[in-house]
Amino acid sequence: MVPDHDPVGADPDVALRSAELAGLPTAQQGSAQTHLATMQTVVADLPATAETRAEDSLGEKTGQLTAAEGAALRAIIFEHDQVRAFGGLHRVQAPAGDLLWVCENHYPTTTPACP
């Protein structure tokens, strides 16, 4: 369930997202708003942590989640996306071995064509 909130409240990012949604074709605005509301709920459910990771104190970010952070994110996503649609994203493995989530438009460029 998405919490009720003022879409243009004190958060300037919310006003920006509302303006970006208004730029979509009318037929896509409802779906986009639903996906945005779901992601806002997921982000709001992420645990706030006061603990400091070693990379934070060293000033060097790896851009990767710890195992615990990944497990927490997975649990939250699965709780809110029970049909496992993942917003229409596809999981692919990059040549370096990283797992990436790409949209339908970019999915064909990440998978080799069959001979």
C-alpha atoms as a PDB file:
ATOM      1  CA  MET A   1       0.000   0.000   0.000  1.00  0.00           C
ATOM      2  CA  VAL A   2       1.345   3.419  -0.950  1.00  0.00           C
ATOM      3  CA  PRO A   3       1.316   5.982   1.849  1.00  0.00           C
ATOM      4  CA  ASP A   4      -0.762   9.104   1.270  1.00  0.00           C
ATOM      5  CA  HIS A   5       1.396  12.164   0.774  1.00  0.00           C
ATOM      6  CA  ASP A   6       1.430  15.577  -0.849  1.00  0.00           C
ATOM      7  CA  PRO A   7       2.978  14.968  -4.300  1.00  0.00           C
ATOM      8  CA  VAL A   8       4.556  18.392  -4.394  1.00  0.00           C
ATOM      9  CA  GLY A   9       5.438  18.683  -0.687  1.00  0.00           C
ATOM     10  CA  ALA A  10       8.796  19.821   0.615  1.00  0.00           C
ATOM     11  CA  ASP A  11      10.727  17.363  -1.594  1.00  0.00           C
ATOM     12  CA  PRO A  12      11.781  19.116  -4.839  1.00  0.00           C
ATOM     13  CA  ASP A  13      12.444  15.701  -6.428  1.00  0.00           C
ATOM     14  CA  VAL A  14       8.739  14.874  -6.137  1.00  0.00           C
ATOM     15  CA  ALA A  15       7.788  18.037  -8.049  1.00  0.00           C
ATOM     16  CA  LEU A  16      10.368  17.185 -10.708  1.00  0.00           C
ATOM     17  CA  ARG A  17       9.040  13.620 -11.056  1.00  0.00           C
ATOM     18  CA  SER A  18       5.475  14.969 -11.358  1.00  0.00           C
ATOM     19  CA  ALA A  19       6.577  17.301 -14.141  1.00  0.00           C
ATOM     20  CA  GLU A  20       8.374  14.441 -15.910  1.00  0.00           C
ATOM     21  CA  LEU A  21       5.257  12.256 -15.682  1.00  0.00           C
ATOM     22  CA  ALA A  22       3.192  15.065 -17.209  1.00  0.00           C
ATOM     23  CA  GLY A  23       5.494  14.876 -20.246  1.00  0.00           C
ATOM     24  CA  LEU A  24       4.497  11.250 -20.922  1.00  0.00           C
ATOM     25  CA  PRO A  25       1.652  10.314 -23.244  1.00  0.00           C
ATOM     26  CA  THR A  26      -1.635  10.274 -21.338  1.00  0.00           C
ATOM     27  CA  ALA A  27      -1.995   6.512 -21.816  1.00  0.00           C
ATOM     28  CA  GLN A  28       1.326   5.897 -19.998  1.00  0.00           C
ATOM     29  CA  GLN A  29       0.913   8.347 -17.115  1.00  0.00           C
ATOM     30  CA  GLY A  30      -1.208   6.052 -14.930  1.00  0.00           C
ATOM     31  CA  SER A  31       1.197   3.121 -15.252  1.00  0.00           C
ATOM     32  CA  ALA A  32       4.207   5.354 -14.665  1.00  0.00           C
ATOM     33  CA  GLN A  33       2.581   6.867 -11.566  1.00  0.00           C
ATOM     34  CA  THR A  34       1.850   3.371 -10.227  1.00  0.00           C
ATOM     35  CA  HIS A  35       5.477   2.279 -10.752  1.00  0.00           C
ATOM     36  CA  LEU A  36       6.743   5.500  -9.165  1.00  0.00           C
ATOM     37  CA  ALA A  37       4.476   5.061  -6.135  1.00  0.00           C
ATOM     38  CA  THR A  38       5.655   1.459  -5.730  1.00  0.00           C
ATOM     39  CA  MET A  39       9.297   2.490  -5.850  1.00  0.00           C
ATOM     40  CA  GLN A  40       8.670   5.291  -3.331  1.00  0.00           C
ATOM     41  CA  THR A  41       7.180   2.671  -1.001  1.00  0.00           C
ATOM     42  CA  VAL A  42      10.157   0.344  -1.514  1.00  0.00           C
ATOM     43  CA  VAL A  43      12.625   3.140  -0.775  1.00  0.00           C
ATOM     44  CA  ALA A  44      10.644   4.250   2.280  1.00  0.00           C
ATOM     45  CA  ASP A  45      10.763   0.670   3.607  1.00  0.00           C
ATOM     46  CA  LEU A  46      14.557   0.421   3.297  1.00  0.00           C
ATOM     47  CA  PRO A  47      16.095   0.245   6.725  1.00  0.00           C
ATOM     48  CA  ALA A  48      17.782   3.418   7.876  1.00  0.00           C
ATOM     49  CA  THR A  49      21.119   2.498   9.353  1.00  0.00           C
ATOM     50  CA  ALA A  50      23.438   4.456  11.575  1.00  0.00           C
ATOM     51  CA  GLU A  51      26.286   1.991  11.193  1.00  0.00           C
ATOM     52  CA  THR A  52      29.231   3.092   9.126  1.00  0.00           C
ATOM     53  CA  ARG A  53      30.760   0.794   6.590  1.00  0.00           C
ATOM     54  CA  ALA A  54      34.524   0.788   6.172  1.00  0.00           C
ATOM     55  CA  GLU A  55      34.256   2.207   2.643  1.00  0.00           C
ATOM     56  CA  ASP A  56      32.257   5.180   3.961  1.00  0.00           C
ATOM     57  CA  SER A  57      34.956   6.174   6.416  1.00  0.00           C
ATOM     58  CA  LEU A  58      37.716   5.753   3.844  1.00  0.00           C
ATOM     59  CA  GLY A  59      36.007   8.070   1.372  1.00  0.00           C
ATOM     60  CA  GLU A  60      36.095   5.438  -1.380  1.00  0.00           C
ATOM     61  CA  LYS A  61      32.776   4.067  -2.623  1.00  0.00           C
ATOM     62  CA  THR A  62      32.574   0.709  -4.359  1.00  0.00           C
ATOM     63  CA  GLY A  63      29.032   1.197  -5.614  1.00  0.00           C
ATOM     64  CA  GLN A  64      28.154  -2.301  -4.441  1.00  0.00           C
ATOM     65  CA  LEU A  65      25.779  -3.467  -1.744  1.00  0.00           C
ATOM     66  CA  THR A  66      26.938  -5.585   1.134  1.00  0.00           C
ATOM     67  CA  ALA A  67      25.401  -9.068   1.335  1.00  0.00           C
ATOM     68  CA  ALA A  68      23.060  -7.894   4.102  1.00  0.00           C
ATOM     69  CA  GLU A  69      21.977  -4.820   2.112  1.00  0.00           C
ATOM     70  CA  GLY A  70      21.325  -6.963  -0.956  1.00  0.00           C
ATOM     71  CA  ALA A  71      19.261  -9.438   1.048  1.00  0.00           C
ATOM     72  CA  ALA A  72      17.210  -6.625   2.611  1.00  0.00           C
ATOM     73  CA  LEU A  73      16.599  -4.996  -0.773  1.00  0.00           C
ATOM     74  CA  ARG A  74      15.576  -8.340  -2.301  1.00  0.00           C
ATOM     75  CA  ALA A  75      13.104  -8.999   0.522  1.00  0.00           C
ATOM     76  CA  ILE A  76      11.534  -5.557   0.152  1.00  0.00           C
ATOM     77  CA  ILE A  77      11.244  -5.865  -3.636  1.00  0.00           C
ATOM     78  CA  PHE A  78       9.689  -9.336  -3.398  1.00  0.00           C
ATOM     79  CA  GLU A  79       7.230  -8.085  -0.784  1.00  0.00           C
ATOM     80  CA  HIS A  80       6.022  -5.285  -3.074  1.00  0.00           C
ATOM     81  CA  ASP A  81       6.356  -7.075  -6.443  1.00  0.00           C
ATOM     82  CA  GLN A  82       4.629 -10.360  -5.718  1.00  0.00           C
ATOM     83  CA  VAL A  83       4.225 -11.298  -9.399  1.00  0.00           C
ATOM     84  CA  ARG A  84       7.983 -10.808  -9.904  1.00  0.00           C
ATOM     85  CA  ALA A  85       7.489  -8.425 -12.867  1.00  0.00           C
ATOM     86  CA  PHE A  86      10.458  -6.266 -11.764  1.00  0.00           C
ATOM     87  CA  GLY A  87       9.016  -3.254 -13.573  1.00  0.00           C
ATOM     88  CA  GLY A  88       9.548  -4.981 -16.912  1.00  0.00           C
ATOM     89  CA  LEU A  89      13.317  -5.146 -16.413  1.00  0.00           C
ATOM     90  CA  HIS A  90      15.428  -8.119 -17.521  1.00  0.00           C
ATOM     91  CA  ARG A  91      18.485  -9.431 -15.672  1.00  0.00           C
ATOM     92  CA  VAL A  92      21.594  -9.838 -17.834  1.00  0.00           C
ATOM     93  CA  GLN A  93      25.209 -10.570 -17.067  1.00  0.00           C
ATOM     94  CA  ALA A  94      27.759  -8.032 -18.269  1.00  0.00           C
ATOM     95  CA  PRO A  95      31.031  -9.257 -19.796  1.00  0.00           C
ATOM     96  CA  ALA A  96      32.804  -8.368 -16.534  1.00  0.00           C
ATOM     97  CA  GLY A  97      30.408 -10.659 -14.649  1.00  0.00           C
ATOM     98  CA  ASP A  98      28.219  -7.967 -13.061  1.00  0.00           C
ATOM     99  CA  LEU A  99      24.474  -8.554 -13.064  1.00  0.00           C
ATOM    100  CA  LEU A 100      22.553  -5.698 -14.658  1.00  0.00           C
ATOM    101  CA  TRP A 101      18.836  -4.927 -14.924  1.00  0.00           C
ATOM    102  CA  VAL A 102      17.911  -3.476 -18.308  1.00  0.00           C
ATOM    103  CA  CYS A 103      14.675  -2.278 -19.890  1.00  0.00           C
ATOM    104  CA  GLU A 104      12.928  -3.914 -22.834  1.00  0.00           C
ATOM    105  CA  ASN A 105      14.431  -1.350 -25.236  1.00  0.00           C
ATOM    106  CA  HIS A 106      18.021  -2.117 -24.238  1.00  0.00           C
ATOM    107  CA  TYR A 107      17.643  -5.853 -23.616  1.00  0.00           C
ATOM    108  CA  PRO A 108      18.308  -6.843 -27.271  1.00  0.00           C
ATOM    109  CA  THR A 109      21.599  -4.922 -27.238  1.00  0.00           C
ATOM    110  CA  THR A 110      22.839  -6.895 -24.230  1.00  0.00           C
ATOM    111  CA  THR A 111      22.086 -10.405 -25.495  1.00  0.00           C
ATOM    112  CA  PRO A 112      23.958 -12.031 -28.375  1.00  0.00           C
ATOM    113  CA  ALA A 113      21.906 -12.949 -31.430  1.00  0.00           C
ATOM    114  CA  CYS A 114      21.472 -16.649 -32.109  1.00  0.00           C
ATOM    115  CA  PRO A 115      23.310 -17.855 -35.230  1.00  0.00           C
END
